[in-house]
PDB file of N, CA and C in Angstrom:
ATOM      1  N   MET A   1      12.525   3.143  43.638  1.00  0.00           N
ATOM      2  CA  MET A   1      10.703   3.815  42.919  1.00  0.00           C
ATOM      3  C   MET A   1      10.028   3.262  42.651  1.00  0.00           C
ATOM      4  N   LEU A   2       8.684   2.882  42.736  1.00  0.00           N
ATOM      5  CA  LEU A   2       7.469   2.439  42.228  1.00  0.00           C
ATOM      6  C   LEU A   2       6.029   3.405  41.789  1.00  0.00           C
ATOM      7  N   THR A   3       6.668   2.874  40.132  1.00  0.00           N
ATOM      8  CA  THR A   3       5.135   3.625  40.132  1.00  0.00           C
ATOM      9  C   THR A   3       3.451   3.320  39.368  1.00  0.00           C
ATOM     10  N   TYR A   4       3.557   4.186  39.574  1.00  0.00           N
ATOM     11  CA  TYR A   4       1.574   3.709  38.988  1.00  0.00           C
ATOM     12  C   TYR A   4       1.506   3.817  38.226  1.00  0.00           C
ATOM     13  N   THR A   5       1.344   2.844  37.304  1.00  0.00           N
ATOM     14  CA  THR A   5      -0.173   3.191  36.094  1.00  0.00           C
ATOM     15  C   THR A   5      -0.994   2.739  35.590  1.00  0.00           C
ATOM     16  N   HIS A   6      -2.122   3.584  36.297  1.00  0.00           N
ATOM     17  CA  HIS A   6      -3.662   3.633  35.827  1.00  0.00           C
ATOM     18  C   HIS A   6      -3.533   2.347  34.407  1.00  0.00           C
ATOM     19  N   PRO A   7      -4.555   1.265  35.311  1.00  0.00           N
ATOM     20  CA  PRO A   7      -4.525   0.634  34.046  1.00  0.00           C
ATOM     21  C   PRO A   7      -5.162   0.879  32.651  1.00  0.00           C
ATOM     22  N   GLU A   8      -6.232   1.915  32.385  1.00  0.00           N
ATOM     23  CA  GLU A   8      -6.505   1.955  31.181  1.00  0.00           C
ATOM     24  C   GLU A   8      -5.953   2.670  30.026  1.00  0.00           C
ATOM     25  N   THR A   9      -4.136   2.957  30.695  1.00  0.00           N
ATOM     26  CA  THR A   9      -3.930   4.504  29.851  1.00  0.00           C
ATOM     27  C   THR A   9      -2.869   3.710  29.116  1.00  0.00           C
ATOM     28  N   PRO A  10      -3.246   3.170  27.962  1.00  0.00           N
ATOM     29  CA  PRO A  10      -2.455   2.356  26.415  1.00  0.00           C
ATOM     30  C   PRO A  10      -0.416   3.220  26.647  1.00  0.00           C
ATOM     31  N   ASP A  11       0.290   2.113  27.453  1.00  0.00           N
ATOM     32  CA  ASP A  11       1.652   2.303  26.672  1.00  0.00           C
ATOM     33  C   ASP A  11       1.137   2.613  25.317  1.00  0.00           C
ATOM     34  N   VAL A  12       2.318   3.813  24.634  1.00  0.00           N
ATOM     35  CA  VAL A  12       2.393   4.291  23.646  1.00  0.00           C
ATOM     36  C   VAL A  12       2.847   3.925  23.379  1.00  0.00           C
ATOM     37  N   ASP A  13       4.140   2.879  23.201  1.00  0.00           N
ATOM     38  CA  ASP A  13       5.162   2.182  23.401  1.00  0.00           C
ATOM     39  C   ASP A  13       4.739   0.648  22.791  1.00  0.00           C
ATOM     40  N   SER A  14       4.454   0.277  22.883  1.00  0.00           N
ATOM     41  CA  SER A  14       3.828  -1.333  23.157  1.00  0.00           C
ATOM     42  C   SER A  14       2.306  -1.150  21.910  1.00  0.00           C
ATOM     43  N   ARG A  15       2.115  -0.122  21.355  1.00  0.00           N
ATOM     44  CA  ARG A  15       1.037   0.180  19.315  1.00  0.00           C
ATOM     45  C   ARG A  15       2.141  -0.775  18.748  1.00  0.00           C
ATOM     46  N   PRO A  16       1.557  -2.064  18.231  1.00  0.00           N
ATOM     47  CA  PRO A  16       2.055  -1.452  16.725  1.00  0.00           C
ATOM     48  C   PRO A  16       2.683  -1.608  15.789  1.00  0.00           C
ATOM     49  N   ARG A  17       3.175  -0.859  15.138  1.00  0.00           N
ATOM     50  CA  ARG A  17       3.167   0.247  14.427  1.00  0.00           C
ATOM     51  C   ARG A  17       2.888  -0.469  12.720  1.00  0.00           C
ATOM     52  N   LEU A  18       2.087   0.502  12.640  1.00  0.00           N
ATOM     53  CA  LEU A  18       1.820  -0.345  10.980  1.00  0.00           C
ATOM     54  C   LEU A  18       2.324   0.529  10.055  1.00  0.00           C
ATOM     55  N   TYR A  19       2.393  -0.020   8.671  1.00  0.00           N
ATOM     56  CA  TYR A  19       2.371  -0.300   7.460  1.00  0.00           C
ATOM     57  C   TYR A  19       0.890   0.541   6.499  1.00  0.00           C
ATOM     58  N   GLN A  20       1.263   1.710   6.446  1.00  0.00           N
ATOM     59  CA  GLN A  20      -0.169   2.132   5.954  1.00  0.00           C
ATOM     60  C   GLN A  20      -0.602   1.705   4.484  1.00  0.00           C
ATOM     61  N   CYS A  21      -1.155   1.653   3.775  1.00  0.00           N
ATOM     62  CA  CYS A  21      -1.479   0.958   2.266  1.00  0.00           C
ATOM     63  C   CYS A  21      -2.837   1.967   1.775  1.00  0.00           C
ATOM     64  N   GLN A  22      -2.638   1.768   0.936  1.00  0.00           N
ATOM     65  CA  GLN A  22      -3.462   3.853  -0.030  1.00  0.00           C
ATOM     66  C   GLN A  22      -3.624   3.767  -1.088  1.00  0.00           C
ATOM     67  N   ALA A  23      -4.768   3.445  -1.774  1.00  0.00           N
ATOM     68  CA  ALA A  23      -5.017   2.935  -3.451  1.00  0.00           C
ATOM     69  C   ALA A  23      -5.702   3.839  -3.998  1.00  0.00           C
ATOM     70  N   VAL A  24      -4.934   4.955  -5.017  1.00  0.00           N
ATOM     71  CA  VAL A  24      -5.567   6.223  -4.688  1.00  0.00           C
ATOM     72  C   VAL A  24      -6.252   5.859  -6.680  1.00  0.00           C
ATOM     73  N   ALA A  25      -6.897   6.089  -7.148  1.00  0.00           N
ATOM     74  CA  ALA A  25      -6.558   6.996  -9.251  1.00  0.00           C
ATOM     75  C   ALA A  25      -6.948   8.647  -8.524  1.00  0.00           C
ATOM     76  N   TYR A  26      -6.386   8.517 -10.360  1.00  0.00           N
ATOM     77  CA  TYR A  26      -6.078  10.679 -10.341  1.00  0.00           C
ATOM     78  C   TYR A  26      -6.319  10.297 -12.126  1.00  0.00           C
ATOM     79  N   PRO A  27      -7.857  10.993 -12.098  1.00  0.00           N
ATOM     80  CA  PRO A  27      -8.270  10.532 -12.980  1.00  0.00           C
ATOM     81  C   PRO A  27      -7.900  12.146 -14.112  1.00  0.00           C
ATOM     82  N   LEU A  28      -6.955  12.482 -15.368  1.00  0.00           N
ATOM     83  CA  LEU A  28      -6.046  13.267 -15.673  1.00  0.00           C
ATOM     84  C   LEU A  28      -6.880  14.293 -16.270  1.00  0.00           C
ATOM     85  N   ASP A  29      -7.562  14.189 -16.053  1.00  0.00           N
ATOM     86  CA  ASP A  29      -8.849  15.569 -16.897  1.00  0.00           C
ATOM     87  C   ASP A  29      -9.835  16.000 -15.454  1.00  0.00           C
ATOM     88  N   GLU A  30      -9.507  15.522 -13.988  1.00  0.00           N
ATOM     89  CA  GLU A  30      -9.800  16.355 -12.940  1.00  0.00           C
ATOM     90  C   GLU A  30      -8.750  16.784 -12.013  1.00  0.00           C
ATOM     91  N   VAL A  31      -9.378  17.745 -11.232  1.00  0.00           N
ATOM     92  CA  VAL A  31      -8.218  18.445  -9.986  1.00  0.00           C
ATOM     93  C   VAL A  31      -7.856  17.319  -8.794  1.00  0.00           C
ATOM     94  N   ARG A  32      -9.771  17.011  -8.492  1.00  0.00           N
ATOM     95  CA  ARG A  32      -8.670  16.098  -7.601  1.00  0.00           C
ATOM     96  C   ARG A  32      -8.742  14.075  -7.573  1.00  0.00           C
ATOM     97  N   SER A  33      -8.767  14.030  -6.301  1.00  0.00           N
ATOM     98  CA  SER A  33      -8.200  12.090  -6.868  1.00  0.00           C
ATOM     99  C   SER A  33      -9.042  11.497  -5.705  1.00  0.00           C
ATOM    100  N   ILE A  34      -9.023  10.458  -6.523  1.00  0.00           N
ATOM    101  CA  ILE A  34     -10.271   9.209  -5.587  1.00  0.00           C
ATOM    102  C   ILE A  34      -9.852   8.109  -5.682  1.00  0.00           C
ATOM    103  N   PRO A  35     -10.128   8.201  -4.382  1.00  0.00           N
ATOM    104  CA  PRO A  35      -9.467   7.253  -3.344  1.00  0.00           C
ATOM    105  C   PRO A  35     -10.513   5.557  -3.444  1.00  0.00           C
ATOM    106  N   LEU A  36      -9.132   4.921  -3.394  1.00  0.00           N
ATOM    107  CA  LEU A  36      -9.365   3.840  -4.149  1.00  0.00           C
ATOM    108  C   LEU A  36      -9.854   3.234  -2.687  1.00  0.00           C
ATOM    109  N   GLY A  37      -9.175   2.778  -1.355  1.00  0.00           N
ATOM    110  CA  GLY A  37      -9.206   2.042  -0.030  1.00  0.00           C
ATOM    111  C   GLY A  37      -8.068   2.368  -0.136  1.00  0.00           C
ATOM    112  N   SER A  38      -7.799   2.127   1.660  1.00  0.00           N
ATOM    113  CA  SER A  38      -6.684   2.273   2.714  1.00  0.00           C
ATOM    114  C   SER A  38      -6.707   0.783   3.273  1.00  0.00           C
ATOM    115  N   HIS A  39      -5.907   1.349   4.070  1.00  0.00           N
ATOM    116  CA  HIS A  39      -5.125  -0.522   4.789  1.00  0.00           C
ATOM    117  C   HIS A  39      -4.157  -0.381   5.589  1.00  0.00           C
ATOM    118  N   ASP A  40      -4.417  -0.594   6.904  1.00  0.00           N
ATOM    119  CA  ASP A  40      -3.293  -1.292   8.250  1.00  0.00           C
ATOM    120  C   ASP A  40      -2.771  -1.846   8.198  1.00  0.00           C
ATOM    121  N   ALA A  41      -1.418  -2.115   7.695  1.00  0.00           N
ATOM    122  CA  ALA A  41      -0.920  -3.690   7.723  1.00  0.00           C
ATOM    123  C   ALA A  41       0.330  -4.143   9.075  1.00  0.00           C
ATOM    124  N   ALA A  42       0.124  -4.486   9.461  1.00  0.00           N
ATOM    125  CA  ALA A  42       1.083  -4.840  10.261  1.00  0.00           C
ATOM    126  C   ALA A  42       2.700  -5.361  10.916  1.00  0.00           C
ATOM    127  N   SER A  43       2.711  -6.067   9.000  1.00  0.00           N
ATOM    128  CA  SER A  43       4.269  -6.245   9.065  1.00  0.00           C
ATOM    129  C   SER A  43       4.207  -6.116   7.041  1.00  0.00           C
ATOM    130  N   PRO A  44       5.674  -6.237   7.077  1.00  0.00           N
ATOM    131  CA  PRO A  44       5.946  -5.798   5.401  1.00  0.00           C
ATOM    132  C   PRO A  44       5.480  -7.016   4.019  1.00  0.00           C
ATOM    133  N   ARG A  45       5.204  -7.983   5.305  1.00  0.00           N
ATOM    134  CA  ARG A  45       4.527  -9.709   4.596  1.00  0.00           C
ATOM    135  C   ARG A  45       2.583  -9.937   4.147  1.00  0.00           C
ATOM    136  N   LEU A  46       2.100  -8.420   5.241  1.00  0.00           N
ATOM    137  CA  LEU A  46       0.574  -8.246   4.533  1.00  0.00           C
ATOM    138  C   LEU A  46       0.372  -7.200   4.305  1.00  0.00           C
ATOM    139  N   ALA A  47       0.832  -5.930   4.609  1.00  0.00           N
ATOM    140  CA  ALA A  47       1.284  -5.090   3.311  1.00  0.00           C
ATOM    141  C   ALA A  47       1.116  -4.986   1.656  1.00  0.00           C
ATOM    142  N   LEU A  48       2.380  -6.170   0.971  1.00  0.00           N
ATOM    143  CA  LEU A  48       2.443  -6.870  -0.043  1.00  0.00           C
ATOM    144  C   LEU A  48       1.498  -7.022   0.004  1.00  0.00           C
ATOM    145  N   ARG A  49       0.874  -7.820   0.167  1.00  0.00           N
ATOM    146  CA  ARG A  49      -0.657  -9.391  -0.092  1.00  0.00           C
ATOM    147  C   ARG A  49      -1.754  -8.042   0.023  1.00  0.00           C
ATOM    148  N   TRP A  50      -2.313  -7.260   0.664  1.00  0.00           N
ATOM    149  CA  TRP A  50      -3.298  -5.942  -0.369  1.00  0.00           C
ATOM    150  C   TRP A  50      -3.046  -5.768  -0.530  1.00  0.00           C
ATOM    151  N   LEU A  51      -1.137  -5.183  -1.473  1.00  0.00           N
ATOM    152  CA  LEU A  51      -1.149  -4.406  -2.551  1.00  0.00           C
ATOM    153  C   LEU A  51      -1.420  -5.145  -3.508  1.00  0.00           C
ATOM    154  N   GLN A  52      -0.675  -7.143  -3.420  1.00  0.00           N
ATOM    155  CA  GLN A  52      -1.197  -7.805  -4.291  1.00  0.00           C
ATOM    156  C   GLN A  52      -2.652  -7.904  -4.614  1.00  0.00           C
ATOM    157  N   GLU A  53      -3.837  -7.376  -3.997  1.00  0.00           N
ATOM    158  CA  GLU A  53      -5.124  -8.007  -4.238  1.00  0.00           C
ATOM    159  C   GLU A  53      -5.958  -6.761  -4.439  1.00  0.00           C
ATOM    160  N   ARG A  54      -5.093  -5.836  -3.852  1.00  0.00           N
ATOM    161  CA  ARG A  54      -5.686  -3.773  -4.204  1.00  0.00           C
ATOM    162  C   ARG A  54      -5.292  -4.244  -6.641  1.00  0.00           C
ATOM    163  N   THR A  55      -4.097  -4.417  -6.208  1.00  0.00           N
ATOM    164  CA  THR A  55      -3.487  -4.239  -7.566  1.00  0.00           C
ATOM    165  C   THR A  55      -4.457  -5.634  -8.988  1.00  0.00           C
ATOM    166  N   ARG A  56      -4.909  -6.587  -8.187  1.00  0.00           N
ATOM    167  CA  ARG A  56      -5.757  -7.528  -8.940  1.00  0.00           C
ATOM    168  C   ARG A  56      -6.921  -6.964  -9.561  1.00  0.00           C
ATOM    169  N   HIS A  57      -7.751  -6.497  -7.569  1.00  0.00           N
ATOM    170  CA  HIS A  57      -9.356  -5.883  -8.310  1.00  0.00           C
ATOM    171  C   HIS A  57      -9.016  -4.685  -9.931  1.00  0.00           C
ATOM    172  N   ILE A  58      -7.787  -3.689  -9.385  1.00  0.00           N
ATOM    173  CA  ILE A  58      -7.558  -2.732 -10.471  1.00  0.00           C
ATOM    174  C   ILE A  58      -7.608  -3.524 -11.692  1.00  0.00           C
ATOM    175  N   THR A  59      -6.765  -4.250 -11.746  1.00  0.00           N
ATOM    176  CA  THR A  59      -6.333  -4.872 -13.277  1.00  0.00           C
ATOM    177  C   THR A  59      -7.488  -5.842 -14.357  1.00  0.00           C
ATOM    178  N   ASP A  60      -7.986  -5.865 -13.363  1.00  0.00           N
ATOM    179  CA  ASP A  60      -9.286  -6.519 -13.778  1.00  0.00           C
ATOM    180  C   ASP A  60     -10.790  -6.239 -14.035  1.00  0.00           C
ATOM    181  N   GLN A  61     -10.075  -5.082 -13.800  1.00  0.00           N
ATOM    182  CA  GLN A  61     -11.213  -3.361 -13.610  1.00  0.00           C
ATOM    183  C   GLN A  61     -10.790  -2.720 -15.244  1.00  0.00           C
ATOM    184  N   LEU A  62     -10.164  -2.819 -16.035  1.00  0.00           N
ATOM    185  CA  LEU A  62      -8.961  -2.062 -15.967  1.00  0.00           C
ATOM    186  C   LEU A  62      -9.187  -3.126 -18.033  1.00  0.00           C
ATOM    187  N   ASP A  63      -8.818  -2.419 -19.599  1.00  0.00           N
ATOM    188  CA  ASP A  63      -8.792  -3.419 -20.659  1.00  0.00           C
ATOM    189  C   ASP A  63      -7.880  -3.975 -21.045  1.00  0.00           C
ATOM    190  N   THR A  64      -8.012  -5.454 -21.605  1.00  0.00           N
ATOM    191  CA  THR A  64      -6.374  -5.859 -21.662  1.00  0.00           C
ATOM    192  C   THR A  64      -5.173  -5.308 -21.338  1.00  0.00           C
ATOM    193  N   ALA A  65      -4.845  -4.229 -22.118  1.00  0.00           N
ATOM    194  CA  ALA A  65      -3.756  -3.152 -22.412  1.00  0.00           C
ATOM    195  C   ALA A  65      -2.930  -2.516 -21.264  1.00  0.00           C
ATOM    196  N   TYR A  66      -4.479  -2.221 -21.045  1.00  0.00           N
ATOM    197  CA  TYR A  66      -4.188  -1.622 -19.485  1.00  0.00           C
ATOM    198  C   TYR A  66      -3.643  -2.453 -18.103  1.00  0.00           C
ATOM    199  N   ALA A  67      -4.165  -3.500 -18.718  1.00  0.00           N
ATOM    200  CA  ALA A  67      -4.095  -4.426 -18.053  1.00  0.00           C
ATOM    201  C   ALA A  67      -2.958  -4.823 -17.459  1.00  0.00           C
ATOM    202  N   ARG A  68      -1.883  -5.083 -18.466  1.00  0.00           N
ATOM    203  CA  ARG A  68      -1.169  -5.425 -19.191  1.00  0.00           C
ATOM    204  C   ARG A  68       0.400  -5.989 -17.472  1.00  0.00           C
ATOM    205  N   PRO A  69       0.795  -4.793 -16.877  1.00  0.00           N
ATOM    206  CA  PRO A  69       1.130  -4.090 -16.293  1.00  0.00           C
ATOM    207  C   PRO A  69       1.259  -4.378 -15.157  1.00  0.00           C
ATOM    208  N   GLY A  70       0.571  -4.578 -14.516  1.00  0.00           N
ATOM    209  CA  GLY A  70       0.062  -5.425 -13.794  1.00  0.00           C
ATOM    210  C   GLY A  70       0.456  -6.516 -13.409  1.00  0.00           C
ATOM    211  N   LEU A  71      -0.789  -6.962 -14.270  1.00  0.00           N
ATOM    212  CA  LEU A  71      -1.191  -9.133 -14.131  1.00  0.00           C
ATOM    213  C   LEU A  71       0.300  -9.058 -14.219  1.00  0.00           C
ATOM    214  N   HIS A  72       1.588  -8.590 -14.883  1.00  0.00           N
ATOM    215  CA  HIS A  72       3.209  -8.875 -15.447  1.00  0.00           C
ATOM    216  C   HIS A  72       3.499  -9.071 -13.988  1.00  0.00           C
ATOM    217  N   TRP A  73       3.292  -8.009 -12.773  1.00  0.00           N
ATOM    218  CA  TRP A  73       3.826  -7.578 -12.021  1.00  0.00           C
ATOM    219  C   TRP A  73       2.846  -8.982 -10.326  1.00  0.00           C
ATOM    220  N   LEU A  74       2.242  -9.190 -10.543  1.00  0.00           N
ATOM    221  CA  LEU A  74       1.547 -10.083 -10.115  1.00  0.00           C
ATOM    222  C   LEU A  74       2.050 -11.416  -9.814  1.00  0.00           C
ATOM    223  N   THR A  75       2.153 -11.401 -11.717  1.00  0.00           N
ATOM    224  CA  THR A  75       3.195 -12.659 -11.146  1.00  0.00           C
ATOM    225  C   THR A  75       5.023 -12.976 -11.456  1.00  0.00           C
ATOM    226  N   ASP A  76       5.856 -11.697 -11.428  1.00  0.00           N
ATOM    227  CA  ASP A  76       7.276 -11.474 -11.517  1.00  0.00           C
ATOM    228  C   ASP A  76       7.454 -10.995 -10.078  1.00  0.00           C
ATOM    229  N   GLU A  77       7.611 -12.586  -9.416  1.00  0.00           N
ATOM    230  CA  GLU A  77       8.513 -12.792  -8.030  1.00  0.00           C
ATOM    231  C   GLU A  77       9.513 -11.865  -7.438  1.00  0.00           C
ATOM    232  N   ALA A  78      10.249 -11.107  -8.478  1.00  0.00           N
ATOM    233  CA  ALA A  78      11.208 -10.980  -7.867  1.00  0.00           C
ATOM    234  C   ALA A  78      11.295  -9.256  -7.121  1.00  0.00           C
ATOM    235  N   GLU A  79      10.400  -8.936  -8.404  1.00  0.00           N
ATOM    236  CA  GLU A  79       9.877  -7.674  -8.126  1.00  0.00           C
ATOM    237  C   GLU A  79       8.701  -6.921  -6.716  1.00  0.00           C
ATOM    238  N   ARG A  80       7.732  -8.627  -6.663  1.00  0.00           N
ATOM    239  CA  ARG A  80       7.273  -8.420  -5.009  1.00  0.00           C
ATOM    240  C   ARG A  80       8.292  -8.729  -3.997  1.00  0.00           C
ATOM    241  N   GLU A  81       9.290  -9.315  -4.528  1.00  0.00           N
ATOM    242  CA  GLU A  81      10.865 -10.046  -2.799  1.00  0.00           C
ATOM    243  C   GLU A  81      11.088  -8.061  -2.994  1.00  0.00           C
ATOM    244  N   ARG A  82      11.218  -7.696  -3.982  1.00  0.00           N
ATOM    245  CA  ARG A  82      11.903  -6.413  -4.430  1.00  0.00           C
ATOM    246  C   ARG A  82      11.318  -5.384  -3.443  1.00  0.00           C
ATOM    247  N   ALA A  83      10.003  -5.465  -3.683  1.00  0.00           N
ATOM    248  CA  ALA A  83       8.695  -4.947  -2.911  1.00  0.00           C
ATOM    249  C   ALA A  83       8.956  -4.793  -1.412  1.00  0.00           C
ATOM    250  N   LEU A  84       9.074  -6.123  -1.170  1.00  0.00           N
ATOM    251  CA  LEU A  84       8.858  -6.225   0.575  1.00  0.00           C
ATOM    252  C   LEU A  84      10.416  -5.969   0.612  1.00  0.00           C
ATOM    253  N   ALA A  85      11.260  -6.505   0.210  1.00  0.00           N
ATOM    254  CA  ALA A  85      12.588  -5.711   1.207  1.00  0.00           C
ATOM    255  C   ALA A  85      12.611  -4.598   0.603  1.00  0.00           C
ATOM    256  N   TYR A  86      12.651  -3.219  -0.408  1.00  0.00           N
ATOM    257  CA  TYR A  86      11.668  -2.168  -0.097  1.00  0.00           C
ATOM    258  C   TYR A  86      11.228  -1.832   2.142  1.00  0.00           C
ATOM    259  N   MET A  87      10.249  -2.991   1.479  1.00  0.00           N
ATOM    260  CA  MET A  87       9.219  -2.617   2.941  1.00  0.00           C
ATOM    261  C   MET A  87       9.677  -3.166   4.394  1.00  0.00           C
ATOM    262  N   THR A  88      10.409  -3.723   3.760  1.00  0.00           N
ATOM    263  CA  THR A  88      11.230  -4.585   5.767  1.00  0.00           C
ATOM    264  C   THR A  88      12.271  -3.965   6.186  1.00  0.00           C
ATOM    265  N   ARG A  89      12.896  -2.581   5.219  1.00  0.00           N
ATOM    266  CA  ARG A  89      14.285  -1.790   5.006  1.00  0.00           C
ATOM    267  C   ARG A  89      13.552  -0.497   5.707  1.00  0.00           C
ATOM    268  N   GLY A  90      11.978  -0.370   5.949  1.00  0.00           N
ATOM    269  CA  GLY A  90      11.672   0.881   6.130  1.00  0.00           C
ATOM    270  C   GLY A  90      11.199   2.389   4.788  1.00  0.00           C
ATOM    271  N   THR A  91      11.079   1.280   3.509  1.00  0.00           N
ATOM    272  CA  THR A  91      11.430   2.391   2.330  1.00  0.00           C
ATOM    273  C   THR A  91      10.121   1.842   1.918  1.00  0.00           C
ATOM    274  N   GLY A  92       9.064   3.417   1.660  1.00  0.00           N
ATOM    275  CA  GLY A  92       7.237   3.256   0.553  1.00  0.00           C
ATOM    276  C   GLY A  92       8.084   2.443  -0.381  1.00  0.00           C
ATOM    277  N   TYR A  93       7.054   1.703  -0.995  1.00  0.00           N
ATOM    278  CA  TYR A  93       6.563   1.607  -2.227  1.00  0.00           C
ATOM    279  C   TYR A  93       5.760   1.351  -3.046  1.00  0.00           C
ATOM    280  N   HIS A  94       6.187   1.985  -4.441  1.00  0.00           N
ATOM    281  CA  HIS A  94       4.333   2.339  -5.156  1.00  0.00           C
ATOM    282  C   HIS A  94       4.695   1.834  -6.125  1.00  0.00           C
ATOM    283  N   LEU A  95       3.602   1.311  -6.314  1.00  0.00           N
ATOM    284  CA  LEU A  95       3.170   0.706  -7.975  1.00  0.00           C
ATOM    285  C   LEU A  95       2.294   1.186  -8.546  1.00  0.00           C
ATOM    286  N   THR A  96       2.663   2.257  -9.773  1.00  0.00           N
ATOM    287  CA  THR A  96       1.792   3.282 -10.840  1.00  0.00           C
ATOM    288  C   THR A  96       0.918   2.406 -12.063  1.00  0.00           C
ATOM    289  N   LEU A  97       0.189   2.292 -12.685  1.00  0.00           N
ATOM    290  CA  LEU A  97      -0.692   1.674 -13.478  1.00  0.00           C
ATOM    291  C   LEU A  97      -2.260   3.289 -14.159  1.00  0.00           C
ATOM    292  N   TYR A  98      -2.022   2.383 -15.293  1.00  0.00           N
ATOM    293  CA  TYR A  98      -2.334   3.092 -16.251  1.00  0.00           C
ATOM    294  C   TYR A  98      -3.622   3.700 -17.434  1.00  0.00           C
ATOM    295  N   ASP A  99      -4.226   3.785 -18.052  1.00  0.00           N
ATOM    296  CA  ASP A  99      -5.654   3.833 -18.601  1.00  0.00           C
ATOM    297  C   ASP A  99      -5.291   5.308 -19.236  1.00  0.00           C
ATOM    298  N   GLU A 100      -6.268   5.252 -20.311  1.00  0.00           N
ATOM    299  CA  GLU A 100      -6.301   6.001 -20.854  1.00  0.00           C
ATOM    300  C   GLU A 100      -6.447   7.767 -20.635  1.00  0.00           C
ATOM    301  N   GLY A 101      -7.772   7.732 -19.529  1.00  0.00           N
ATOM    302  CA  GLY A 101      -7.383   8.854 -18.990  1.00  0.00           C
ATOM    303  C   GLY A 101      -7.818   9.343 -16.936  1.00  0.00           C
ATOM    304  N   THR A 102      -6.684   7.457 -16.236  1.00  0.00           N
ATOM    305  CA  THR A 102      -6.509   8.339 -14.983  1.00  0.00           C
ATOM    306  C   THR A 102      -5.266   7.362 -15.829  1.00  0.00           C
ATOM    307  N   ARG A 103      -5.429   7.579 -13.750  1.00  0.00           N
ATOM    308  CA  ARG A 103      -3.679   6.863 -13.506  1.00  0.00           C
ATOM    309  C   ARG A 103      -4.082   6.064 -12.269  1.00  0.00           C
ATOM    310  N   TYR A 104      -3.373   5.095 -11.660  1.00  0.00           N
ATOM    311  CA  TYR A 104      -4.333   4.225 -10.575  1.00  0.00           C
ATOM    312  C   TYR A 104      -2.496   4.329 -10.066  1.00  0.00           C
ATOM    313  N   VAL A 105      -2.208   4.528  -8.614  1.00  0.00           N
ATOM    314  CA  VAL A 105      -1.696   4.390  -7.675  1.00  0.00           C
ATOM    315  C   VAL A 105      -2.011   3.560  -6.737  1.00  0.00           C
ATOM    316  N   LEU A 106      -0.718   2.827  -6.689  1.00  0.00           N
ATOM    317  CA  LEU A 106      -1.652   2.311  -5.383  1.00  0.00           C
ATOM    318  C   LEU A 106       0.205   2.445  -4.067  1.00  0.00           C
ATOM    319  N   ALA A 107       0.388   2.983  -3.092  1.00  0.00           N
ATOM    320  CA  ALA A 107       1.331   2.424  -2.265  1.00  0.00           C
ATOM    321  C   ALA A 107       1.298   1.952  -0.561  1.00  0.00           C
ATOM    322  N   VAL A 108       2.135   1.955  -0.079  1.00  0.00           N
ATOM    323  CA  VAL A 108       2.505   1.908   0.714  1.00  0.00           C
ATOM    324  C   VAL A 108       3.925   2.217   1.506  1.00  0.00           C
ATOM    325  N   TYR A 109       3.743   2.251   3.053  1.00  0.00           N
ATOM    326  CA  TYR A 109       4.323   3.656   4.243  1.00  0.00           C
ATOM    327  C   TYR A 109       4.617   2.396   4.562  1.00  0.00           C
ATOM    328  N   PRO A 110       5.981   2.882   5.580  1.00  0.00           N
ATOM    329  CA  PRO A 110       6.180   1.774   6.453  1.00  0.00           C
ATOM    330  C   PRO A 110       5.684   2.960   7.219  1.00  0.00           C
ATOM    331  N   PRO A 111       6.123   2.735   8.928  1.00  0.00           N
ATOM    332  CA  PRO A 111       5.627   3.077   9.400  1.00  0.00           C
ATOM    333  C   PRO A 111       6.321   4.624  10.722  1.00  0.00           C
ATOM    334  N   GLY A 112       6.264   5.787  10.568  1.00  0.00           N
ATOM    335  CA  GLY A 112       7.015   5.942  10.848  1.00  0.00           C
ATOM    336  C   GLY A 112       6.754   7.999   9.726  1.00  0.00           C
ATOM    337  N   THR A 113       6.849   6.787   8.097  1.00  0.00           N
ATOM    338  CA  THR A 113       6.820   7.241   7.530  1.00  0.00           C
ATOM    339  C   THR A 113       5.483   9.067   7.163  1.00  0.00           C
ATOM    340  N   THR A 114       5.075   9.535   6.972  1.00  0.00           N
ATOM    341  CA  THR A 114       3.854  10.014   6.410  1.00  0.00           C
ATOM    342  C   THR A 114       3.593  10.397   5.029  1.00  0.00           C
ATOM    343  N   SER A 115       1.856   9.500   4.705  1.00  0.00           N
ATOM    344  CA  SER A 115       2.056   9.949   3.041  1.00  0.00           C
ATOM    345  C   SER A 115       1.603  10.703   2.629  1.00  0.00           C
TER     346      SER A 115
END
């Protein structure tokens, strides 16, 4: 049996499943959060690359003492490989940085999960 498919009808199963990447600041003295950026990545490796770039952007703006954990994460190859392994297995990954008044959360959610 032949079935007609309209050429403009998207095939839902053929769409790439994207990793949702988000960076959010949570000021400690406020109720609301501040979105710092989001990105949809086509693979765990691209999600990790985005996570590294955003971590670099945030640590560049923090005082040295507060930037140290993020700078350490950027140079810790084993931890980045662990993050990549989590994402590849379909588990989310979060990195949290702090300064005296704000918590910064960088997160990657695998396809099929909600943030």
